[in-house]
Amino acid sequence: MSDNEAPQSYLHELTLRLAFGALGLSPEIREAHANWLVTQQRDDGGFAGREGESDPYYTAFALRGLWILDGLTPEVGEKAARFLRGRMQRRESIIDLISLVFAAAICELSVGAVVIADEDDSWRNNIADLLATLRTADGGFAKTPEGRAGSTYQTFLSVLCHELIEVPVPDTDGILRFLASQAHGEGGFLEIRAAKRPGVNPTAAAIGTLKALGRLDAMDHTATIEFLSEMQSDEGGMTANTRIPFADLLSTCTGLITLVDLDATSVVNVESIQQYARMMQRSPGGFVGLSLDDTTDVEYTFYGIASLALCENVIRG
């Protein structure tokens, strides 16, 4: 990277890391899941969840999965870009907004389809203004402008959104104080301050926020690493928290991403995680979310592909 190049965003860096890991998967696995994802694209160019209409959230997951698998064709990308352009004037949730911004970046990087013009500062400024309304007195970001307490996951999303629109996050020290207040004494992080126990996903959000801000060194992570090591179940995957007895692909994927970021994958059995993710595959393609599930969807397919790619990276060294 030259001195004039901007550093890669958290999401871009992660996606490229996953794409590298996916190169180690067999051609049969890559093709099966890429083909399945392509079949999920709707006539409007977007992707949907298990029910309802196309939306930016599921569209971003599908595009990320296809990009990782090197299966994002110009036809799929152009159709998705048309769908995303049609959503730009709608009032979206923050989750859909960040999904739209990142999906747009994928379309442009992969097939050259422009969704958000570089000179469109008004849209970028409107997003920054919306994010400002979510900021809370504790230093975090809430899920709605009416929220009074920060959410660890919402703070993560808001920081990523700032990064993607290239608008600096105000008061990063306040975010660090907020995350410190969300840290649980026995390791891991709470989603909201009223929560009773830490979870894998808010923990991943907290560590992801620190990494995106370039401040992983701001906290000691010993207890968090130990917490994550205890979340691996007999199935091989990771559970959402200490009260849930079965693993799921979301927690498995985010937990493993976090351990990779903390250089601590040795505390879990990565081969068992790999086997668990393989068990969640279905024919002719796609992944289910957990062993009790019987329906594939694009979100869990992304988590499945990402988990397998991460495992390849760790196992191959």
Protein backbone atom coordinates (compact mmCIF):
# COMPACT_ATOMS: atom_id res chain seq x y z
CA MET A 1 0.00 0.00 0.00
CA SER A 2 1.37 3.38 -0.96
CA ASP A 3 1.26 6.39 1.31
CA ASN A 4 -1.54 7.83 -0.84
CA GLU A 5 -3.79 4.76 -0.61
CA ALA A 6 -6.55 4.71 1.97
CA PRO A 7 -6.55 1.70 4.25
CA GLN A 8 -9.12 -0.96 3.45
CA SER A 9 -12.35 -0.79 5.41
CA TYR A 10 -13.08 -3.48 7.99
CA LEU A 11 -15.69 -5.12 5.74
CA HIS A 12 -13.53 -5.00 2.62
CA GLU A 13 -10.55 -6.47 4.44
CA LEU A 14 -12.68 -9.24 5.95
CA THR A 15 -14.30 -10.08 2.62
CA LEU A 16 -10.93 -10.33 0.88
CA ARG A 17 -9.66 -12.55 3.69
CA LEU A 18 -12.67 -14.82 3.27
CA ALA A 19 -12.23 -14.90 -0.52
CA PHE A 20 -8.66 -16.08 -0.03
CA GLY A 21 -9.79 -18.84 2.33
CA ALA A 22 -12.55 -19.92 -0.07
CA LEU A 23 -9.89 -20.67 -2.68
CA GLY A 24 -9.07 -23.73 -0.56
CA LEU A 25 -12.58 -25.16 -0.87
CA SER A 26 -13.25 -27.84 -3.46
CA PRO A 27 -14.59 -26.69 -6.84
CA GLU A 28 -17.72 -28.76 -6.20
CA ILE A 29 -18.52 -26.93 -2.94
CA ARG A 30 -17.79 -23.51 -4.42
CA GLU A 31 -19.92 -24.17 -7.50
CA ALA A 32 -22.85 -25.69 -5.59
CA HIS A 33 -23.24 -22.72 -3.24
CA ALA A 34 -22.56 -20.09 -5.91
CA ASN A 35 -25.18 -21.64 -8.20
CA TRP A 36 -27.67 -21.82 -5.32
CA LEU A 37 -27.14 -18.16 -4.46
CA VAL A 38 -27.66 -17.11 -8.08
CA THR A 39 -31.01 -18.92 -8.14
CA GLN A 40 -32.15 -16.86 -5.14
CA GLN A 41 -31.98 -13.55 -7.02
CA ARG A 42 -35.45 -12.09 -7.52
CA ASP A 43 -36.79 -10.53 -10.73
CA ASP A 44 -36.22 -7.07 -9.20
CA GLY A 45 -32.50 -7.82 -8.87
CA GLY A 46 -32.53 -8.09 -5.07
CA PHE A 47 -32.45 -11.01 -2.67
CA ALA A 48 -34.86 -11.80 0.15
CA GLY A 49 -35.00 -13.74 3.40
CA ARG A 50 -37.20 -16.75 4.00
CA GLU A 51 -40.28 -14.59 3.51
CA GLY A 52 -41.08 -11.11 2.32
CA GLU A 53 -39.72 -8.91 -0.45
CA SER A 54 -36.16 -8.24 -1.55
CA ASP A 55 -34.22 -5.92 0.73
CA PRO A 56 -30.66 -4.53 1.00
CA TYR A 57 -29.85 -6.69 4.05
CA TYR A 58 -30.22 -10.04 2.32
CA THR A 59 -28.95 -8.64 -0.97
CA ALA A 60 -25.66 -7.70 0.71
CA PHE A 61 -25.28 -11.18 2.19
CA ALA A 62 -25.92 -12.82 -1.17
CA LEU A 63 -23.48 -10.53 -3.00
CA ARG A 64 -20.79 -11.06 -0.36
CA GLY A 65 -21.24 -14.82 -0.61
CA LEU A 66 -20.99 -14.76 -4.39
CA TRP A 67 -17.97 -12.43 -4.27
CA ILE A 68 -16.18 -14.73 -1.84
CA LEU A 69 -16.88 -17.69 -4.15
CA ASP A 70 -15.83 -15.76 -7.28
CA GLY A 71 -19.35 -16.32 -8.57
CA LEU A 72 -20.57 -12.74 -8.93
CA THR A 73 -21.16 -12.36 -12.69
CA PRO A 74 -21.75 -9.05 -14.48
CA GLU A 75 -25.37 -10.06 -15.09
CA VAL A 76 -26.07 -10.73 -11.40
CA GLY A 77 -24.15 -7.64 -10.31
CA GLU A 78 -25.89 -5.28 -12.75
CA LYS A 79 -29.33 -6.56 -11.75
CA ALA A 80 -28.45 -6.12 -8.06
CA ALA A 81 -27.15 -2.60 -8.72
CA ARG A 82 -30.47 -1.61 -10.35
CA PHE A 83 -32.32 -2.88 -7.28
CA LEU A 84 -30.03 -0.95 -4.92
CA ARG A 85 -30.39 2.28 -6.91
CA GLY A 86 -34.14 1.96 -6.54
CA ARG A 87 -33.78 1.79 -2.74
CA MET A 88 -31.65 4.91 -2.33
CA GLN A 89 -34.57 7.29 -1.90
CA ARG A 90 -36.35 5.17 0.68
CA ARG A 91 -36.04 5.66 4.41
CA GLU A 92 -34.11 2.58 5.48
CA SER A 93 -33.20 1.17 8.87
CA ILE A 94 -29.53 1.55 9.81
CA ILE A 95 -29.02 -2.17 9.13
CA ASP A 96 -30.47 -1.82 5.64
CA LEU A 97 -28.48 1.39 5.11
CA ILE A 98 -25.13 -0.17 5.85
CA SER A 99 -26.16 -3.20 3.81
CA LEU A 100 -27.01 -0.92 0.89
CA VAL A 101 -23.71 0.95 1.14
CA PHE A 102 -21.63 -2.22 1.29
CA ALA A 103 -23.64 -4.02 -1.40
CA ALA A 104 -23.12 -0.97 -3.60
CA ALA A 105 -19.37 -1.15 -2.98
CA ILE A 106 -19.34 -4.84 -3.96
CA CYS A 107 -21.21 -4.11 -7.20
CA GLU A 108 -18.72 -1.41 -8.13
CA LEU A 109 -15.60 -3.34 -7.14
CA SER A 110 -16.66 -6.63 -8.72
CA VAL A 111 -18.44 -5.69 -11.95
CA GLY A 112 -18.04 -1.90 -12.22
CA ALA A 113 -21.73 -1.19 -11.61
CA VAL A 114 -21.99 2.22 -9.90
CA VAL A 115 -24.81 2.64 -7.38
CA ILE A 116 -23.60 5.65 -5.40
CA ALA A 117 -21.65 8.22 -7.41
CA ASP A 118 -18.44 9.48 -5.80
CA GLU A 119 -19.66 13.07 -6.15
CA ASP A 120 -22.95 12.36 -4.36
CA ASP A 121 -22.04 14.08 -1.10
CA SER A 122 -25.66 14.84 -0.19
CA TRP A 123 -26.54 11.17 0.28
CA ARG A 124 -23.35 10.60 2.27
CA ASN A 125 -24.06 13.61 4.47
CA ASN A 126 -27.64 12.49 5.05
CA ILE A 127 -26.38 9.14 6.33
CA ALA A 128 -23.90 10.87 8.65
CA ASP A 129 -26.71 13.08 9.98
CA LEU A 130 -28.89 10.02 10.61
CA LEU A 131 -26.08 8.28 12.48
CA ALA A 132 -25.65 11.38 14.66
CA THR A 133 -29.26 11.03 15.83
CA LEU A 134 -28.47 7.53 17.12
CA ARG A 135 -25.60 8.63 19.36
CA THR A 136 -26.31 8.22 23.08
CA ALA A 137 -24.94 9.85 26.21
CA ASP A 138 -23.02 6.67 27.13
CA GLY A 139 -20.87 7.04 24.00
CA GLY A 140 -22.49 4.28 21.95
CA PHE A 141 -25.18 4.23 19.27
CA ALA A 142 -28.80 3.21 19.83
CA LYS A 143 -31.06 1.28 17.46
CA THR A 144 -33.42 4.25 17.02
CA PRO A 145 -33.20 8.01 17.58
CA GLU A 146 -35.45 7.52 20.61
CA GLY A 147 -33.03 5.09 22.26
CA ARG A 148 -31.37 6.22 25.48
CA ALA A 149 -28.75 3.51 25.87
CA GLY A 150 -26.18 2.29 23.39
CA SER A 151 -26.27 -1.12 21.72
CA THR A 152 -22.97 -2.91 21.12
CA TYR A 153 -24.13 -4.29 17.76
CA GLN A 154 -25.62 -0.97 16.68
CA THR A 155 -22.37 0.78 17.60
CA PHE A 156 -20.47 -1.70 15.44
CA LEU A 157 -22.81 -1.11 12.48
CA SER A 158 -22.63 2.66 12.89
CA VAL A 159 -18.83 2.67 12.97
CA LEU A 160 -18.73 0.50 9.84
CA CYS A 161 -21.19 2.79 8.11
CA HIS A 162 -19.02 5.82 8.92
CA GLU A 163 -16.06 3.94 7.49
CA LEU A 164 -17.87 3.01 4.27
CA ILE A 165 -19.11 6.55 3.59
CA GLU A 166 -15.64 7.90 4.51
CA VAL A 167 -16.92 10.23 7.21
CA PRO A 168 -14.85 10.07 10.44
CA VAL A 169 -16.62 8.83 13.55
CA PRO A 170 -16.97 11.67 16.09
CA ASP A 171 -15.64 11.12 19.62
CA THR A 172 -13.96 7.72 19.26
CA ASP A 173 -12.88 7.97 22.91
CA GLY A 174 -16.57 7.95 23.83
CA ILE A 175 -17.00 4.71 21.89
CA LEU A 176 -14.08 3.17 23.76
CA ARG A 177 -15.64 4.16 27.08
CA PHE A 178 -18.95 2.68 25.98
CA LEU A 179 -17.34 -0.64 25.01
CA ALA A 180 -15.49 -0.77 28.31
CA SER A 181 -18.83 -0.36 30.08
CA GLN A 182 -20.26 -3.27 28.06
CA ALA A 183 -17.43 -5.66 28.97
CA HIS A 184 -18.59 -8.43 31.30
CA GLY A 185 -16.47 -9.26 34.33
CA GLU A 186 -16.23 -12.92 33.32
CA GLY A 187 -15.30 -12.17 29.71
CA GLY A 188 -17.23 -11.24 26.62
CA PHE A 189 -19.49 -8.23 26.06
CA LEU A 190 -23.13 -7.38 26.69
CA GLU A 191 -25.45 -6.26 23.90
CA ILE A 192 -27.21 -3.69 26.11
CA ARG A 193 -26.33 -2.62 29.63
CA ALA A 194 -29.48 -4.27 31.05
CA ALA A 195 -28.43 -7.69 29.71
CA LYS A 196 -27.51 -10.31 32.29
CA ARG A 197 -24.95 -12.31 30.36
CA PRO A 198 -22.47 -11.76 27.53
CA GLY A 199 -23.03 -13.23 24.09
CA VAL A 200 -20.81 -14.30 21.23
CA ASN A 201 -22.36 -11.88 18.75
CA PRO A 202 -22.10 -8.70 20.88
CA THR A 203 -18.57 -9.79 21.75
CA ALA A 204 -17.76 -10.07 18.05
CA ALA A 205 -19.34 -6.64 17.51
CA ALA A 206 -17.23 -5.08 20.26
CA ILE A 207 -13.97 -6.57 18.99
CA GLY A 208 -14.92 -5.69 15.42
CA THR A 209 -15.53 -2.08 16.47
CA LEU A 210 -12.15 -1.89 18.17
CA LYS A 211 -10.46 -3.33 15.08
CA ALA A 212 -12.28 -0.94 12.73
CA LEU A 213 -11.12 1.97 14.92
CA GLY A 214 -7.56 0.61 15.01
CA ARG A 215 -7.80 0.27 18.80
CA LEU A 216 -7.61 -3.46 19.53
CA ASP A 217 -4.85 -2.62 21.98
CA ALA A 218 -7.19 -0.43 24.07
CA MET A 219 -8.33 -3.41 26.17
CA ASP A 220 -6.99 -6.63 27.60
CA HIS A 221 -8.70 -9.54 25.83
CA THR A 222 -7.63 -12.47 28.01
CA ALA A 223 -11.04 -12.98 29.62
CA THR A 224 -12.85 -12.54 26.31
CA ILE A 225 -10.69 -15.20 24.64
CA GLU A 226 -11.46 -17.57 27.49
CA PHE A 227 -15.17 -16.78 27.21
CA LEU A 228 -15.16 -17.59 23.49
CA SER A 229 -13.26 -20.83 24.08
CA GLU A 230 -16.07 -21.96 26.38
CA MET A 231 -18.71 -21.33 23.73
CA GLN A 232 -17.65 -24.25 21.51
CA SER A 233 -20.24 -26.99 21.91
CA ASP A 234 -20.07 -30.75 21.49
CA GLU A 235 -21.45 -30.26 17.98
CA GLY A 236 -18.24 -28.45 17.06
CA GLY A 237 -19.80 -25.06 16.42
CA MET A 238 -20.25 -22.19 18.84
CA THR A 239 -23.33 -21.28 20.86
CA ALA A 240 -24.77 -17.79 21.21
CA ASN A 241 -24.34 -17.65 25.01
CA THR A 242 -23.99 -19.85 28.08
CA ARG A 243 -27.72 -20.59 28.32
CA ILE A 244 -28.21 -21.93 24.78
CA PRO A 245 -27.31 -25.63 24.45
CA PHE A 246 -26.90 -25.86 20.66
CA ALA A 247 -24.55 -24.24 18.19
CA ASP A 248 -25.55 -22.02 15.28
CA LEU A 249 -23.72 -20.82 12.18
CA LEU A 250 -24.02 -17.10 13.01
CA SER A 251 -22.31 -17.49 16.39
CA THR A 252 -19.79 -19.94 14.91
CA CYS A 253 -18.82 -17.53 12.16
CA THR A 254 -18.65 -14.37 14.27
CA GLY A 255 -16.89 -16.17 17.12
CA LEU A 256 -14.23 -17.53 14.80
CA ILE A 257 -13.74 -14.14 13.11
CA THR A 258 -13.16 -12.66 16.56
CA LEU A 259 -10.65 -15.31 17.58
CA VAL A 260 -8.79 -14.78 14.29
CA ASP A 261 -8.69 -11.02 14.94
CA LEU A 262 -7.37 -11.68 18.46
CA ASP A 263 -4.82 -14.21 17.16
CA ALA A 264 -6.33 -16.81 19.50
CA THR A 265 -7.76 -19.60 17.32
CA SER A 266 -5.69 -22.14 19.25
CA VAL A 267 -8.23 -22.05 22.12
CA VAL A 268 -10.85 -23.85 19.98
CA ASN A 269 -10.81 -26.95 17.79
CA VAL A 270 -10.94 -25.46 14.31
CA GLU A 271 -11.27 -28.86 12.64
CA SER A 272 -14.45 -29.44 14.66
CA ILE A 273 -15.78 -26.04 13.60
CA GLN A 274 -15.04 -26.99 10.00
CA GLN A 275 -16.91 -30.26 10.38
CA TYR A 276 -19.87 -28.49 11.97
CA ALA A 277 -20.09 -25.98 9.11
CA ARG A 278 -19.96 -28.79 6.57
CA MET A 279 -22.85 -30.49 8.37
CA MET A 280 -24.99 -27.39 7.87
CA GLN A 281 -24.72 -27.66 4.06
CA ARG A 282 -27.70 -28.87 2.09
CA SER A 283 -28.09 -30.25 -1.42
CA PRO A 284 -28.07 -28.86 -4.07
CA GLY A 285 -26.65 -25.82 -2.25
CA GLY A 286 -27.11 -23.37 0.60
CA PHE A 287 -26.76 -23.71 4.38
CA VAL A 288 -29.20 -23.96 7.27
CA GLY A 289 -28.61 -21.98 10.45
CA LEU A 290 -28.42 -24.82 12.99
CA SER A 291 -28.99 -28.55 13.33
CA LEU A 292 -32.68 -28.11 14.21
CA ASP A 293 -33.27 -26.04 11.06
CA ASP A 294 -34.45 -27.40 7.73
CA THR A 295 -34.61 -24.28 5.53
CA THR A 296 -31.67 -22.77 3.68
CA ASP A 297 -31.38 -19.00 3.28
CA VAL A 298 -28.89 -16.50 1.89
CA GLU A 299 -27.79 -15.10 5.26
CA TYR A 300 -26.83 -18.44 6.76
CA THR A 301 -25.32 -19.50 3.45
CA PHE A 302 -22.96 -16.56 3.78
CA TYR A 303 -22.11 -17.57 7.35
CA GLY A 304 -21.51 -21.15 6.23
CA ILE A 305 -19.24 -20.16 3.37
CA ALA A 306 -17.42 -17.68 5.60
CA SER A 307 -16.92 -20.26 8.36
CA LEU A 308 -15.45 -22.78 5.93
CA ALA A 309 -13.20 -20.11 4.41
CA LEU A 310 -11.95 -19.02 7.84
CA CYS A 311 -11.22 -22.62 8.76
CA GLU A 312 -9.21 -23.04 5.55
CA ASN A 313 -7.15 -19.96 6.41
CA VAL A 314 -6.43 -21.18 9.93
CA ILE A 315 -5.71 -24.80 9.06
CA ARG A 316 -3.46 -23.93 6.12
CA GLY A 317 -1.71 -21.31 8.27
